[in-house]
Amino acid sequence: MKQSIVHIALVVDEYDEAIAFYTEKLHFTLIEDTYQPEQDKRWVVVSPPGSVGTTLLLARASKPEQKPFVGNQAGGRVFLFLNTDDFWRDYNEMVSRGINFIRPPKEEDYGLVAVFEDLYGNLWDLLQLNANHPVSLRNT
């Protein structure tokens, strides 16, 4: 058997502002933006540059009970992990584009890491995993 996680839904406030953040600030690629008239929703998928793995489905909060989860999908914990092949290149570029890092870069046993927040306050790790880490970009 072979399976994979294709999308992770990220609850957002508005499609266009989320697309702008991910494509302009993080340089993600817009993979799809399709209107679904039967639900009055859009199917919006973005992906990190050069990625061939899991993508983000930007899902607008469409019901009142979904609104509180915008920016708090993981209850204040780091929610998503962006692995890079060059930590300092991406960190410096993200800082220059106004990305808010709430924890500075730190060397850990598994590699370099810093915590940033997206436009809604969800926490992300920017990572460069060590070459011997099982999911290092060098091992793919």
C-alpha atoms as a PDB file:
ATOM      1  CA  MET A   1       0.000   0.000   0.000  1.00  0.00           C
ATOM      2  CA  LYS A   2       1.163   3.521  -0.747  1.00  0.00           C
ATOM      3  CA  GLN A   3      -0.524   6.645   0.631  1.00  0.00           C
ATOM      4  CA  SER A   4       0.371  10.291   1.114  1.00  0.00           C
ATOM      5  CA  ILE A   5      -1.065  13.445   2.611  1.00  0.00           C
ATOM      6  CA  VAL A   6      -1.873  15.651  -0.361  1.00  0.00           C
ATOM      7  CA  HIS A   7      -3.281  18.829   1.235  1.00  0.00           C
ATOM      8  CA  ILE A   8      -3.419  20.431   4.653  1.00  0.00           C
ATOM      9  CA  ALA A   9      -6.361  22.801   5.066  1.00  0.00           C
ATOM     10  CA  LEU A  10      -5.410  26.160   6.532  1.00  0.00           C
ATOM     11  CA  VAL A  11      -8.411  28.206   7.663  1.00  0.00           C
ATOM     12  CA  VAL A  12      -8.071  31.793   6.437  1.00  0.00           C
ATOM     13  CA  ASP A  13     -10.132  34.941   6.732  1.00  0.00           C
ATOM     14  CA  GLU A  14     -10.115  35.944   3.050  1.00  0.00           C
ATOM     15  CA  TYR A  15      -8.787  34.160  -0.015  1.00  0.00           C
ATOM     16  CA  ASP A  16      -7.101  37.069  -1.760  1.00  0.00           C
ATOM     17  CA  GLU A  17      -5.195  38.358   1.262  1.00  0.00           C
ATOM     18  CA  ALA A  18      -4.031  34.819   2.044  1.00  0.00           C
ATOM     19  CA  ILE A  19      -2.926  34.252  -1.558  1.00  0.00           C
ATOM     20  CA  ALA A  20      -1.033  37.560  -1.493  1.00  0.00           C
ATOM     21  CA  PHE A  21       0.750  36.663   1.749  1.00  0.00           C
ATOM     22  CA  TYR A  22       1.797  33.180   0.680  1.00  0.00           C
ATOM     23  CA  THR A  23       2.813  34.091  -2.873  1.00  0.00           C
ATOM     24  CA  GLU A  24       4.385  37.502  -2.224  1.00  0.00           C
ATOM     25  CA  LYS A  25       5.852  37.163   1.277  1.00  0.00           C
ATOM     26  CA  LEU A  26       6.777  33.462   1.288  1.00  0.00           C
ATOM     27  CA  HIS A  27       7.157  33.061  -2.506  1.00  0.00           C
ATOM     28  CA  PHE A  28       4.843  30.052  -2.570  1.00  0.00           C
ATOM     29  CA  THR A  29       3.430  29.027  -5.933  1.00  0.00           C
ATOM     30  CA  LEU A  30      -0.296  29.353  -6.565  1.00  0.00           C
ATOM     31  CA  ILE A  31      -1.183  25.874  -7.844  1.00  0.00           C
ATOM     32  CA  GLU A  32      -4.946  26.296  -8.206  1.00  0.00           C
ATOM     33  CA  ASP A  33      -7.661  28.874  -7.635  1.00  0.00           C
ATOM     34  CA  THR A  34     -10.996  27.472  -8.787  1.00  0.00           C
ATOM     35  CA  TYR A  35     -14.425  28.847  -7.907  1.00  0.00           C
ATOM     36  CA  GLN A  36     -16.934  26.231  -6.735  1.00  0.00           C
ATOM     37  CA  PRO A  37     -20.351  27.823  -7.353  1.00  0.00           C
ATOM     38  CA  GLU A  38     -22.394  25.073  -5.685  1.00  0.00           C
ATOM     39  CA  GLN A  39     -20.714  25.923  -2.354  1.00  0.00           C
ATOM     40  CA  ASP A  40     -19.830  29.566  -3.083  1.00  0.00           C
ATOM     41  CA  LYS A  41     -16.217  28.725  -2.177  1.00  0.00           C
ATOM     42  CA  ARG A  42     -12.875  28.687  -3.907  1.00  0.00           C
ATOM     43  CA  TRP A  43     -10.452  25.770  -4.074  1.00  0.00           C
ATOM     44  CA  VAL A  44      -7.153  27.557  -3.467  1.00  0.00           C
ATOM     45  CA  VAL A  45      -3.946  25.526  -3.296  1.00  0.00           C
ATOM     46  CA  VAL A  46      -0.430  26.898  -2.705  1.00  0.00           C
ATOM     47  CA  SER A  47       2.923  25.201  -2.392  1.00  0.00           C
ATOM     48  CA  PRO A  48       6.434  26.186  -1.280  1.00  0.00           C
ATOM     49  CA  PRO A  49       8.878  26.868  -4.120  1.00  0.00           C
ATOM     50  CA  GLY A  50      10.326  23.669  -5.548  1.00  0.00           C
ATOM     51  CA  SER A  51       8.106  21.443  -3.402  1.00  0.00           C
ATOM     52  CA  VAL A  52       6.644  18.211  -4.721  1.00  0.00           C
ATOM     53  CA  GLY A  53       4.996  17.151  -1.484  1.00  0.00           C
ATOM     54  CA  THR A  54       2.063  18.235   0.597  1.00  0.00           C
ATOM     55  CA  THR A  55       0.326  21.481  -0.364  1.00  0.00           C
ATOM     56  CA  LEU A  56      -1.725  24.015   1.585  1.00  0.00           C
ATOM     57  CA  LEU A  57      -5.412  24.337   0.859  1.00  0.00           C
ATOM     58  CA  LEU A  58      -6.377  27.895   1.817  1.00  0.00           C
ATOM     59  CA  ALA A  59      -9.899  27.408   3.145  1.00  0.00           C
ATOM     60  CA  ARG A  60     -11.926  30.522   3.961  1.00  0.00           C
ATOM     61  CA  ALA A  61     -13.796  30.355   7.261  1.00  0.00           C
ATOM     62  CA  SER A  62     -17.343  30.184   5.934  1.00  0.00           C
ATOM     63  CA  LYS A  63     -19.288  29.569   9.157  1.00  0.00           C
ATOM     64  CA  PRO A  64     -19.269  31.498  12.438  1.00  0.00           C
ATOM     65  CA  GLU A  65     -17.910  28.475  14.319  1.00  0.00           C
ATOM     66  CA  GLN A  66     -14.869  28.377  11.999  1.00  0.00           C
ATOM     67  CA  LYS A  67     -13.841  32.025  12.544  1.00  0.00           C
ATOM     68  CA  PRO A  68     -12.144  31.461  15.945  1.00  0.00           C
ATOM     69  CA  PHE A  69      -9.745  29.003  14.303  1.00  0.00           C
ATOM     70  CA  VAL A  70      -8.313  31.554  11.877  1.00  0.00           C
ATOM     71  CA  GLY A  71      -4.784  32.077  13.197  1.00  0.00           C
ATOM     72  CA  ASN A  72      -5.187  29.513  15.963  1.00  0.00           C
ATOM     73  CA  GLN A  73      -5.392  26.156  14.261  1.00  0.00           C
ATOM     74  CA  ALA A  74      -2.960  24.522  16.657  1.00  0.00           C
ATOM     75  CA  GLY A  75      -3.994  26.243  19.890  1.00  0.00           C
ATOM     76  CA  GLY A  76      -0.882  28.435  20.012  1.00  0.00           C
ATOM     77  CA  ARG A  77       1.606  25.703  19.113  1.00  0.00           C
ATOM     78  CA  VAL A  78       3.744  25.639  16.005  1.00  0.00           C
ATOM     79  CA  PHE A  79       1.394  24.337  13.339  1.00  0.00           C
ATOM     80  CA  LEU A  80       3.434  24.028  10.150  1.00  0.00           C
ATOM     81  CA  PHE A  81       7.096  23.296   9.409  1.00  0.00           C
ATOM     82  CA  LEU A  82       8.797  24.827   6.376  1.00  0.00           C
ATOM     83  CA  ASN A  83      12.013  22.974   5.583  1.00  0.00           C
ATOM     84  CA  THR A  84      14.609  24.718   3.403  1.00  0.00           C
ATOM     85  CA  ASP A  85      17.896  23.860   1.759  1.00  0.00           C
ATOM     86  CA  ASP A  86      19.394  27.231   2.831  1.00  0.00           C
ATOM     87  CA  PHE A  87      18.193  28.554   6.183  1.00  0.00           C
ATOM     88  CA  TRP A  88      20.075  31.860   6.189  1.00  0.00           C
ATOM     89  CA  ARG A  89      19.082  32.748   2.629  1.00  0.00           C
ATOM     90  CA  ASP A  90      15.397  32.217   3.397  1.00  0.00           C
ATOM     91  CA  TYR A  91      15.509  33.691   6.890  1.00  0.00           C
ATOM     92  CA  ASN A  92      17.156  36.930   5.693  1.00  0.00           C
ATOM     93  CA  GLU A  93      14.801  37.203   2.723  1.00  0.00           C
ATOM     94  CA  MET A  94      11.746  36.632   4.926  1.00  0.00           C
ATOM     95  CA  VAL A  95      12.905  39.268   7.413  1.00  0.00           C
ATOM     96  CA  SER A  96      13.432  41.739   4.546  1.00  0.00           C
ATOM     97  CA  ARG A  97       9.833  41.085   3.408  1.00  0.00           C
ATOM     98  CA  GLY A  98       8.443  41.847   6.852  1.00  0.00           C
ATOM     99  CA  ILE A  99       7.826  38.330   8.147  1.00  0.00           C
ATOM    100  CA  ASN A 100       7.565  38.471  11.948  1.00  0.00           C
ATOM    101  CA  PHE A 101       9.884  36.006  13.670  1.00  0.00           C
ATOM    102  CA  ILE A 102       8.806  35.463  17.241  1.00  0.00           C
ATOM    103  CA  ARG A 103      11.755  33.202  18.120  1.00  0.00           C
ATOM    104  CA  PRO A 104      15.218  33.911  16.726  1.00  0.00           C
ATOM    105  CA  PRO A 105      17.348  31.365  14.873  1.00  0.00           C
ATOM    106  CA  LYS A 106      18.729  28.631  17.048  1.00  0.00           C
ATOM    107  CA  GLU A 107      20.948  25.631  16.443  1.00  0.00           C
ATOM    108  CA  GLU A 108      19.273  22.440  17.667  1.00  0.00           C
ATOM    109  CA  ASP A 109      20.364  18.803  17.500  1.00  0.00           C
ATOM    110  CA  TYR A 110      18.197  18.325  14.399  1.00  0.00           C
ATOM    111  CA  GLY A 111      19.301  21.534  12.614  1.00  0.00           C
ATOM    112  CA  LEU A 112      18.635  25.291  12.438  1.00  0.00           C
ATOM    113  CA  VAL A 113      15.200  26.610  13.427  1.00  0.00           C
ATOM    114  CA  ALA A 114      13.363  29.899  13.929  1.00  0.00           C
ATOM    115  CA  VAL A 115       9.660  30.475  14.577  1.00  0.00           C
ATOM    116  CA  PHE A 116       7.619  32.917  12.519  1.00  0.00           C
ATOM    117  CA  GLU A 117       3.948  33.749  12.246  1.00  0.00           C
ATOM    118  CA  ASP A 118       1.784  33.991   9.169  1.00  0.00           C
ATOM    119  CA  LEU A 119      -0.581  36.872   8.476  1.00  0.00           C
ATOM    120  CA  TYR A 120      -3.174  35.447  10.874  1.00  0.00           C
ATOM    121  CA  GLY A 121      -0.809  34.471  13.692  1.00  0.00           C
ATOM    122  CA  ASN A 122      -0.389  30.740  13.008  1.00  0.00           C
ATOM    123  CA  LEU A 123       3.081  29.685  14.099  1.00  0.00           C
ATOM    124  CA  TRP A 124       5.542  28.097  11.696  1.00  0.00           C
ATOM    125  CA  ASP A 125       9.037  26.679  12.074  1.00  0.00           C
ATOM    126  CA  LEU A 126      11.537  27.655   9.403  1.00  0.00           C
ATOM    127  CA  LEU A 127      13.928  24.699   9.413  1.00  0.00           C
ATOM    128  CA  GLN A 128      17.076  23.487   7.819  1.00  0.00           C
ATOM    129  CA  LEU A 129      17.340  19.930   9.022  1.00  0.00           C
ATOM    130  CA  ASN A 130      20.751  18.303   9.385  1.00  0.00           C
ATOM    131  CA  ALA A 131      21.866  16.033   6.538  1.00  0.00           C
ATOM    132  CA  ASN A 132      21.442  12.940   8.737  1.00  0.00           C
ATOM    133  CA  HIS A 133      17.837  13.800   9.673  1.00  0.00           C
ATOM    134  CA  PRO A 134      15.334  11.312   8.154  1.00  0.00           C
ATOM    135  CA  VAL A 135      13.405  14.044   6.293  1.00  0.00           C
ATOM    136  CA  SER A 136      16.307  16.315   5.371  1.00  0.00           C
ATOM    137  CA  LEU A 137      16.020  17.822   1.884  1.00  0.00           C
ATOM    138  CA  ARG A 138      19.404  16.266   1.175  1.00  0.00           C
ATOM    139  CA  ASN A 139      17.841  12.809   1.562  1.00  0.00           C
ATOM    140  CA  THR A 140      15.068  13.311  -0.991  1.00  0.00           C
END
